[in-house]
């Protein structure tokens, strides 16, 4: 089983990701965060995950600032730009794979990133080892 964390689990992207992972036979979602819904059971918010067949019926949203993600094999960021790069160094150092569904690691050039997104990149040294996840363009890197 792959131990999975999701940061930003209640937005559109996070919910779709959760729906896909709920039926994935190798995914074990260990942590899912939401600032506003911390303490709420995932199954209470999403009734489709209440059934006895789902492994997520006891999963609870946690506060992102208090959630340890370094025990996961992979962490998905379903968050606005700027969130994943704030946690990237720590997670990468712990051997965690990151999948950012925003744009923090989409552009390898820090100056170009800053031009387009109008925020400084928090860890430009990690851009070189990142891969933009379009398999049609970057299959070998992914």
C-alpha atoms as a PDB file:
ATOM      1  CA  UNK A   1       0.000   0.000   0.000  1.00  0.00           C
ATOM      2  CA  UNK A   2       1.131   3.524  -0.767  1.00  0.00           C
ATOM      3  CA  UNK A   3       0.732   5.882   2.209  1.00  0.00           C
ATOM      4  CA  UNK A   4      -0.900   9.055   0.866  1.00  0.00           C
ATOM      5  CA  UNK A   5      -1.389  12.542   2.255  1.00  0.00           C
ATOM      6  CA  UNK A   6      -3.622  15.207   0.736  1.00  0.00           C
ATOM      7  CA  UNK A   7      -3.160  18.880   1.538  1.00  0.00           C
ATOM      8  CA  UNK A   8      -6.277  20.860   0.677  1.00  0.00           C
ATOM      9  CA  UNK A   9      -8.856  18.097   0.703  1.00  0.00           C
ATOM     10  CA  UNK A  10     -12.101  20.073   0.473  1.00  0.00           C
ATOM     11  CA  UNK A  11     -11.661  22.115  -2.712  1.00  0.00           C
ATOM     12  CA  UNK A  12     -12.762  20.843  -6.108  1.00  0.00           C
ATOM     13  CA  UNK A  13      -9.389  19.278  -6.960  1.00  0.00           C
ATOM     14  CA  UNK A  14      -8.974  17.735  -3.510  1.00  0.00           C
ATOM     15  CA  UNK A  15     -12.448  16.192  -3.593  1.00  0.00           C
ATOM     16  CA  UNK A  16     -11.886  14.681  -7.040  1.00  0.00           C
ATOM     17  CA  UNK A  17      -8.526  13.332  -5.924  1.00  0.00           C
ATOM     18  CA  UNK A  18     -10.105  11.828  -2.812  1.00  0.00           C
ATOM     19  CA  UNK A  19     -12.816  10.207  -4.931  1.00  0.00           C
ATOM     20  CA  UNK A  20     -10.190   8.594  -7.177  1.00  0.00           C
ATOM     21  CA  UNK A  21      -8.013   7.440  -4.286  1.00  0.00           C
ATOM     22  CA  UNK A  22     -10.982   6.008  -2.356  1.00  0.00           C
ATOM     23  CA  UNK A  23     -11.314   3.240  -4.920  1.00  0.00           C
ATOM     24  CA  UNK A  24      -7.625   2.772  -5.685  1.00  0.00           C
ATOM     25  CA  UNK A  25      -6.525  -0.657  -4.402  1.00  0.00           C
ATOM     26  CA  UNK A  26      -2.968   0.481  -3.554  1.00  0.00           C
ATOM     27  CA  UNK A  27      -3.749   3.874  -1.955  1.00  0.00           C
ATOM     28  CA  UNK A  28      -3.977   4.255   1.804  1.00  0.00           C
ATOM     29  CA  UNK A  29      -4.930   7.864   2.585  1.00  0.00           C
ATOM     30  CA  UNK A  30      -3.347   8.533   5.968  1.00  0.00           C
ATOM     31  CA  UNK A  31      -3.796  12.300   6.204  1.00  0.00           C
ATOM     32  CA  UNK A  32      -6.076  14.875   4.634  1.00  0.00           C
ATOM     33  CA  UNK A  33      -6.029  18.525   5.584  1.00  0.00           C
ATOM     34  CA  UNK A  34      -8.487  21.377   5.671  1.00  0.00           C
ATOM     35  CA  UNK A  35      -8.106  24.552   7.703  1.00  0.00           C
ATOM     36  CA  UNK A  36     -11.809  25.251   7.900  1.00  0.00           C
ATOM     37  CA  UNK A  37     -13.021  21.659   8.337  1.00  0.00           C
ATOM     38  CA  UNK A  38     -10.359  20.295  10.703  1.00  0.00           C
ATOM     39  CA  UNK A  39     -11.930  17.752  13.063  1.00  0.00           C
ATOM     40  CA  UNK A  40     -14.689  16.770  10.614  1.00  0.00           C
ATOM     41  CA  UNK A  41     -14.910  13.166   9.446  1.00  0.00           C
ATOM     42  CA  UNK A  42     -14.393  12.854   5.696  1.00  0.00           C
ATOM     43  CA  UNK A  43     -17.396  10.491   5.437  1.00  0.00           C
ATOM     44  CA  UNK A  44     -19.623  13.053   7.197  1.00  0.00           C
ATOM     45  CA  UNK A  45     -18.789  15.598   4.515  1.00  0.00           C
ATOM     46  CA  UNK A  46     -18.842  13.145   1.609  1.00  0.00           C
ATOM     47  CA  UNK A  47     -21.620  10.554   2.098  1.00  0.00           C
ATOM     48  CA  UNK A  48     -20.403   8.465  -0.833  1.00  0.00           C
ATOM     49  CA  UNK A  49     -17.419   7.455   1.337  1.00  0.00           C
ATOM     50  CA  UNK A  50     -19.553   6.086   4.196  1.00  0.00           C
ATOM     51  CA  UNK A  51     -20.034   2.563   2.905  1.00  0.00           C
ATOM     52  CA  UNK A  52     -18.422  -0.465   4.545  1.00  0.00           C
ATOM     53  CA  UNK A  53     -16.214  -1.037   1.478  1.00  0.00           C
ATOM     54  CA  UNK A  54     -14.387   2.269   1.819  1.00  0.00           C
ATOM     55  CA  UNK A  55     -11.194   2.587   3.833  1.00  0.00           C
ATOM     56  CA  UNK A  56     -11.909   6.271   4.461  1.00  0.00           C
ATOM     57  CA  UNK A  57     -14.935   6.128   6.705  1.00  0.00           C
ATOM     58  CA  UNK A  58     -12.838   6.950   9.816  1.00  0.00           C
ATOM     59  CA  UNK A  59     -10.522   9.499   8.199  1.00  0.00           C
ATOM     60  CA  UNK A  60     -10.723  12.983   9.758  1.00  0.00           C
ATOM     61  CA  UNK A  61      -9.684  16.308   8.232  1.00  0.00           C
ATOM     62  CA  UNK A  62      -6.783  17.819  10.143  1.00  0.00           C
ATOM     63  CA  UNK A  63      -5.306  21.294  10.406  1.00  0.00           C
ATOM     64  CA  UNK A  64      -2.509  21.612   7.831  1.00  0.00           C
ATOM     65  CA  UNK A  65      -0.194  23.374  10.295  1.00  0.00           C
ATOM     66  CA  UNK A  66      -0.438  20.446  12.723  1.00  0.00           C
ATOM     67  CA  UNK A  67      -0.376  17.516  10.313  1.00  0.00           C
ATOM     68  CA  UNK A  68       2.753  15.396  10.043  1.00  0.00           C
ATOM     69  CA  UNK A  69       3.126  14.432   6.420  1.00  0.00           C
ATOM     70  CA  UNK A  70       6.672  13.074   6.521  1.00  0.00           C
ATOM     71  CA  UNK A  71       5.370   9.552   7.213  1.00  0.00           C
ATOM     72  CA  UNK A  72       3.632   9.450   3.845  1.00  0.00           C
ATOM     73  CA  UNK A  73       5.106   7.962   0.682  1.00  0.00           C
ATOM     74  CA  UNK A  74       3.472  10.646  -1.447  1.00  0.00           C
ATOM     75  CA  UNK A  75       1.703  13.914  -0.661  1.00  0.00           C
ATOM     76  CA  UNK A  76      -0.674  15.597  -3.078  1.00  0.00           C
ATOM     77  CA  UNK A  77      -1.113  19.359  -2.863  1.00  0.00           C
ATOM     78  CA  UNK A  78      -4.586  20.385  -4.039  1.00  0.00           C
ATOM     79  CA  UNK A  79      -3.953  23.957  -2.965  1.00  0.00           C
ATOM     80  CA  UNK A  80      -3.429  27.414  -4.439  1.00  0.00           C
ATOM     81  CA  UNK A  81      -0.014  28.409  -5.786  1.00  0.00           C
ATOM     82  CA  UNK A  82       2.563  28.985  -3.084  1.00  0.00           C
ATOM     83  CA  UNK A  83       1.492  26.305  -0.616  1.00  0.00           C
ATOM     84  CA  UNK A  84       3.438  23.277  -1.879  1.00  0.00           C
ATOM     85  CA  UNK A  85       6.725  25.116  -2.198  1.00  0.00           C
ATOM     86  CA  UNK A  86       6.461  26.232   1.430  1.00  0.00           C
ATOM     87  CA  UNK A  87       6.604  22.571   2.551  1.00  0.00           C
ATOM     88  CA  UNK A  88       8.709  21.103  -0.246  1.00  0.00           C
ATOM     89  CA  UNK A  89      12.163  21.186   1.356  1.00  0.00           C
ATOM     90  CA  UNK A  90      11.008  19.383   4.484  1.00  0.00           C
ATOM     91  CA  UNK A  91       9.069  16.703   2.604  1.00  0.00           C
ATOM     92  CA  UNK A  92      11.745  16.085  -0.015  1.00  0.00           C
ATOM     93  CA  UNK A  93      14.384  15.820   2.738  1.00  0.00           C
ATOM     94  CA  UNK A  94      12.196  13.163   4.404  1.00  0.00           C
ATOM     95  CA  UNK A  95      12.026  11.168   1.160  1.00  0.00           C
ATOM     96  CA  UNK A  96       8.395  11.996   0.444  1.00  0.00           C
ATOM     97  CA  UNK A  97       7.322  12.315  -3.172  1.00  0.00           C
ATOM     98  CA  UNK A  98       5.223  15.386  -3.887  1.00  0.00           C
ATOM     99  CA  UNK A  99       2.554  15.900  -6.496  1.00  0.00           C
ATOM    100  CA  UNK A 100       1.588  19.552  -6.724  1.00  0.00           C
ATOM    101  CA  UNK A 101      -1.678  20.053  -8.569  1.00  0.00           C
ATOM    102  CA  UNK A 102      -1.069  23.818  -8.687  1.00  0.00           C
ATOM    103  CA  UNK A 103       1.902  25.469 -10.383  1.00  0.00           C
ATOM    104  CA  UNK A 104       4.671  25.706  -7.806  1.00  0.00           C
ATOM    105  CA  UNK A 105       6.877  23.276  -9.742  1.00  0.00           C
ATOM    106  CA  UNK A 106       5.418  23.634 -13.223  1.00  0.00           C
ATOM    107  CA  UNK A 107       8.050  26.069 -14.509  1.00  0.00           C
ATOM    108  CA  UNK A 108      11.735  25.204 -13.994  1.00  0.00           C
ATOM    109  CA  UNK A 109      12.983  28.790 -14.290  1.00  0.00           C
ATOM    110  CA  UNK A 110      12.461  30.715 -11.021  1.00  0.00           C
ATOM    111  CA  UNK A 111      12.470  34.101 -12.782  1.00  0.00           C
ATOM    112  CA  UNK A 112       9.783  32.932 -15.227  1.00  0.00           C
ATOM    113  CA  UNK A 113       7.747  31.507 -12.335  1.00  0.00           C
ATOM    114  CA  UNK A 114       7.959  34.840 -10.491  1.00  0.00           C
ATOM    115  CA  UNK A 115       6.983  36.738 -13.631  1.00  0.00           C
ATOM    116  CA  UNK A 116       3.864  34.614 -14.225  1.00  0.00           C
ATOM    117  CA  UNK A 117       2.709  34.025 -10.657  1.00  0.00           C
ATOM    118  CA  UNK A 118       3.967  37.283  -9.085  1.00  0.00           C
ATOM    119  CA  UNK A 119       5.391  35.617  -5.992  1.00  0.00           C
ATOM    120  CA  UNK A 120       8.988  34.628  -5.271  1.00  0.00           C
ATOM    121  CA  UNK A 121       9.707  30.916  -5.421  1.00  0.00           C
ATOM    122  CA  UNK A 122      10.472  29.579  -1.937  1.00  0.00           C
ATOM    123  CA  UNK A 123      12.813  26.796  -3.046  1.00  0.00           C
ATOM    124  CA  UNK A 124      14.183  27.411  -6.550  1.00  0.00           C
ATOM    125  CA  UNK A 125      16.900  24.784  -5.981  1.00  0.00           C
ATOM    126  CA  UNK A 126      14.197  22.071  -6.204  1.00  0.00           C
ATOM    127  CA  UNK A 127      12.921  23.222  -9.594  1.00  0.00           C
ATOM    128  CA  UNK A 128      15.649  21.365 -11.492  1.00  0.00           C
ATOM    129  CA  UNK A 129      14.577  17.982 -10.107  1.00  0.00           C
ATOM    130  CA  UNK A 130      10.854  18.543 -10.608  1.00  0.00           C
ATOM    131  CA  UNK A 131       8.854  17.305 -13.586  1.00  0.00           C
ATOM    132  CA  UNK A 132       5.724  18.876 -15.015  1.00  0.00           C
ATOM    133  CA  UNK A 133       3.239  16.010 -14.993  1.00  0.00           C
ATOM    134  CA  UNK A 134       2.035  15.923 -18.572  1.00  0.00           C
ATOM    135  CA  UNK A 135       2.991  12.433 -19.680  1.00  0.00           C
ATOM    136  CA  UNK A 136       2.690  13.506 -23.294  1.00  0.00           C
ATOM    137  CA  UNK A 137       5.593  15.915 -22.707  1.00  0.00           C
ATOM    138  CA  UNK A 138       7.571  14.455 -19.797  1.00  0.00           C
ATOM    139  CA  UNK A 139       6.922  10.716 -19.629  1.00  0.00           C
ATOM    140  CA  UNK A 140      10.584   9.815 -18.982  1.00  0.00           C
ATOM    141  CA  UNK A 141      11.032  12.417 -16.219  1.00  0.00           C
ATOM    142  CA  UNK A 142       7.840  11.367 -14.485  1.00  0.00           C
END
